[in-house]
Amino acid sequence: MASVVYPAEYLGDIMKPTYYKALWHNCGKCKLHFMSEAPHLKAYLCDECWNKVPHYRTTNVQKVKKGPTHNLPHILRDISSTEIMLYTIGNLICLAIVGYYLWFK
């Protein structure tokens, strides 16, 4: 008995080749088209331009000194009760003016 050969459409995904999504980008230096899945890792440069660019590496990394914070915002300093009262009265006056215009005009 001879074996039966089915067309690819009957076999479904078995005989279909895997296709990759083409990700074309322009090189930022030479304006050449190149393919890359993550072009931001090489600053949108093709391989030739990336190899021509000098790559600097540091051997001694400076540690950030952690200490007390100096320029604190003004809200974190000691606020007196008179400042709180003046601020509250000012806000109430502004709300009264806005309410007057919305309610009566």
C-alpha atoms as a PDB file:
ATOM      1  CA  MET A   1       0.000   0.000   0.000  1.00  0.00           C
ATOM      2  CA  ALA A   2       1.332   3.457  -0.911  1.00  0.00           C
ATOM      3  CA  SER A   3       1.569   6.163   1.695  1.00  0.00           C
ATOM      4  CA  VAL A   4      -0.702   9.145   1.271  1.00  0.00           C
ATOM      5  CA  VAL A   5       0.908  12.582   1.028  1.00  0.00           C
ATOM      6  CA  TYR A   6      -1.309  15.380   2.265  1.00  0.00           C
ATOM      7  CA  PRO A   7      -0.909  19.026   1.245  1.00  0.00           C
ATOM      8  CA  ALA A   8       0.390  21.403   3.912  1.00  0.00           C
ATOM      9  CA  GLU A   9      -3.026  22.983   4.440  1.00  0.00           C
ATOM     10  CA  TYR A  10      -4.383  19.693   5.804  1.00  0.00           C
ATOM     11  CA  LEU A  11      -1.528  19.254   8.263  1.00  0.00           C
ATOM     12  CA  GLY A  12      -2.127  22.532  10.079  1.00  0.00           C
ATOM     13  CA  ASP A  13       0.878  23.945  11.945  1.00  0.00           C
ATOM     14  CA  ILE A  14       3.038  20.850  11.585  1.00  0.00           C
ATOM     15  CA  MET A  15       4.717  21.783   8.300  1.00  0.00           C
ATOM     16  CA  LYS A  16       4.554  25.571   8.539  1.00  0.00           C
ATOM     17  CA  PRO A  17       7.969  27.131   9.099  1.00  0.00           C
ATOM     18  CA  THR A  18       8.431  29.503  12.001  1.00  0.00           C
ATOM     19  CA  TYR A  19       8.568  33.114  10.913  1.00  0.00           C
ATOM     20  CA  TYR A  20      10.172  35.871  12.908  1.00  0.00           C
ATOM     21  CA  LYS A  21       8.819  39.387  13.005  1.00  0.00           C
ATOM     22  CA  ALA A  22      11.203  41.628  11.067  1.00  0.00           C
ATOM     23  CA  LEU A  23      12.226  44.582  13.209  1.00  0.00           C
ATOM     24  CA  TRP A  24      13.932  47.052  10.922  1.00  0.00           C
ATOM     25  CA  HIS A  25      15.507  50.216  12.313  1.00  0.00           C
ATOM     26  CA  ASN A  26      17.606  53.065  10.956  1.00  0.00           C
ATOM     27  CA  CYS A  27      21.135  53.502  12.218  1.00  0.00           C
ATOM     28  CA  GLY A  28      21.506  56.835  13.968  1.00  0.00           C
ATOM     29  CA  LYS A  29      24.972  57.452  12.543  1.00  0.00           C
ATOM     30  CA  CYS A  30      25.170  56.043   9.017  1.00  0.00           C
ATOM     31  CA  LYS A  31      21.377  55.877   8.311  1.00  0.00           C
ATOM     32  CA  LEU A  32      21.651  52.241   7.253  1.00  0.00           C
ATOM     33  CA  HIS A  33      18.726  49.858   7.818  1.00  0.00           C
ATOM     34  CA  PHE A  34      19.463  47.060  10.270  1.00  0.00           C
ATOM     35  CA  MET A  35      17.496  44.394  12.104  1.00  0.00           C
ATOM     36  CA  SER A  36      17.471  44.206  15.869  1.00  0.00           C
ATOM     37  CA  GLU A  37      15.053  43.075  18.548  1.00  0.00           C
ATOM     38  CA  ALA A  38      16.391  45.541  21.120  1.00  0.00           C
ATOM     39  CA  PRO A  39      17.985  48.506  19.299  1.00  0.00           C
ATOM     40  CA  HIS A  40      17.937  50.707  22.405  1.00  0.00           C
ATOM     41  CA  LEU A  41      20.700  48.562  23.934  1.00  0.00           C
ATOM     42  CA  LYS A  42      23.114  49.789  21.267  1.00  0.00           C
ATOM     43  CA  ALA A  43      21.761  53.369  21.051  1.00  0.00           C
ATOM     44  CA  TYR A  44      20.052  52.655  17.697  1.00  0.00           C
ATOM     45  CA  LEU A  45      23.382  52.023  15.964  1.00  0.00           C
ATOM     46  CA  CYS A  46      24.190  49.203  13.556  1.00  0.00           C
ATOM     47  CA  ASP A  47      26.900  46.709  14.526  1.00  0.00           C
ATOM     48  CA  GLU A  48      29.645  48.427  12.487  1.00  0.00           C
ATOM     49  CA  CYS A  49      28.943  51.865  13.979  1.00  0.00           C
ATOM     50  CA  TRP A  50      28.607  50.377  17.471  1.00  0.00           C
ATOM     51  CA  ASN A  51      32.049  48.775  17.184  1.00  0.00           C
ATOM     52  CA  LYS A  52      33.587  52.072  15.950  1.00  0.00           C
ATOM     53  CA  VAL A  53      32.318  54.051  18.931  1.00  0.00           C
ATOM     54  CA  PRO A  54      34.750  54.068  21.870  1.00  0.00           C
ATOM     55  CA  HIS A  55      33.405  52.335  24.962  1.00  0.00           C
ATOM     56  CA  TYR A  56      34.658  53.777  28.218  1.00  0.00           C
ATOM     57  CA  ARG A  57      34.684  51.815  31.443  1.00  0.00           C
ATOM     58  CA  THR A  58      35.530  53.066  34.888  1.00  0.00           C
ATOM     59  CA  THR A  59      37.590  51.069  37.306  1.00  0.00           C
ATOM     60  CA  ASN A  60      36.892  53.041  40.462  1.00  0.00           C
ATOM     61  CA  VAL A  61      33.254  53.700  41.235  1.00  0.00           C
ATOM     62  CA  GLN A  62      32.554  56.511  43.659  1.00  0.00           C
ATOM     63  CA  LYS A  63      30.112  55.690  46.417  1.00  0.00           C
ATOM     64  CA  VAL A  64      27.361  58.158  47.176  1.00  0.00           C
ATOM     65  CA  LYS A  65      27.728  59.613  50.624  1.00  0.00           C
ATOM     66  CA  LYS A  66      24.556  59.235  52.636  1.00  0.00           C
ATOM     67  CA  GLY A  67      23.972  61.705  55.390  1.00  0.00           C
ATOM     68  CA  PRO A  68      21.458  64.125  56.823  1.00  0.00           C
ATOM     69  CA  THR A  69      19.356  65.882  54.255  1.00  0.00           C
ATOM     70  CA  HIS A  70      20.136  69.568  54.093  1.00  0.00           C
ATOM     71  CA  ASN A  71      17.718  71.635  52.051  1.00  0.00           C
ATOM     72  CA  LEU A  72      14.470  70.418  53.597  1.00  0.00           C
ATOM     73  CA  PRO A  73      11.272  71.815  52.100  1.00  0.00           C
ATOM     74  CA  HIS A  74       9.673  74.632  54.040  1.00  0.00           C
ATOM     75  CA  ILE A  75       6.719  72.453  55.041  1.00  0.00           C
ATOM     76  CA  LEU A  76       8.946  70.178  57.135  1.00  0.00           C
ATOM     77  CA  ARG A  77      10.340  72.908  59.382  1.00  0.00           C
ATOM     78  CA  ASP A  78       8.646  73.903  62.613  1.00  0.00           C
ATOM     79  CA  ILE A  79       5.438  75.775  61.855  1.00  0.00           C
ATOM     80  CA  SER A  80       4.021  78.061  64.491  1.00  0.00           C
ATOM     81  CA  SER A  81       0.339  78.180  65.424  1.00  0.00           C
ATOM     82  CA  THR A  82       0.011  81.742  64.109  1.00  0.00           C
ATOM     83  CA  GLU A  83       1.147  80.590  60.664  1.00  0.00           C
ATOM     84  CA  ILE A  84      -1.420  77.776  60.751  1.00  0.00           C
ATOM     85  CA  MET A  85      -4.202  80.200  61.750  1.00  0.00           C
ATOM     86  CA  LEU A  86      -3.272  82.767  59.073  1.00  0.00           C
ATOM     87  CA  TYR A  87      -3.135  80.030  56.423  1.00  0.00           C
ATOM     88  CA  THR A  88      -6.532  78.663  57.482  1.00  0.00           C
ATOM     89  CA  ILE A  89      -8.159  82.109  57.529  1.00  0.00           C
ATOM     90  CA  GLY A  90      -6.736  82.905  54.077  1.00  0.00           C
ATOM     91  CA  ASN A  91      -8.111  79.667  52.660  1.00  0.00           C
ATOM     92  CA  LEU A  92     -11.540  80.300  54.207  1.00  0.00           C
ATOM     93  CA  ILE A  93     -11.664  83.806  52.707  1.00  0.00           C
ATOM     94  CA  CYS A  94     -10.775  82.414  49.256  1.00  0.00           C
ATOM     95  CA  LEU A  95     -13.434  79.713  49.569  1.00  0.00           C
ATOM     96  CA  ALA A  96     -16.009  82.310  50.661  1.00  0.00           C
ATOM     97  CA  ILE A  97     -15.268  84.468  47.608  1.00  0.00           C
ATOM     98  CA  VAL A  98     -15.484  81.514  45.212  1.00  0.00           C
ATOM     99  CA  GLY A  99     -18.688  80.299  46.886  1.00  0.00           C
ATOM    100  CA  TYR A 100     -20.206  83.788  46.664  1.00  0.00           C
ATOM    101  CA  TYR A 101     -19.545  83.984  42.919  1.00  0.00           C
ATOM    102  CA  LEU A 102     -20.862  80.483  42.317  1.00  0.00           C
ATOM    103  CA  TRP A 103     -23.936  80.861  44.507  1.00  0.00           C
ATOM    104  CA  PHE A 104     -25.094  84.419  43.818  1.00  0.00           C
ATOM    105  CA  LYS A 105     -23.789  85.245  40.343  1.00  0.00           C
END
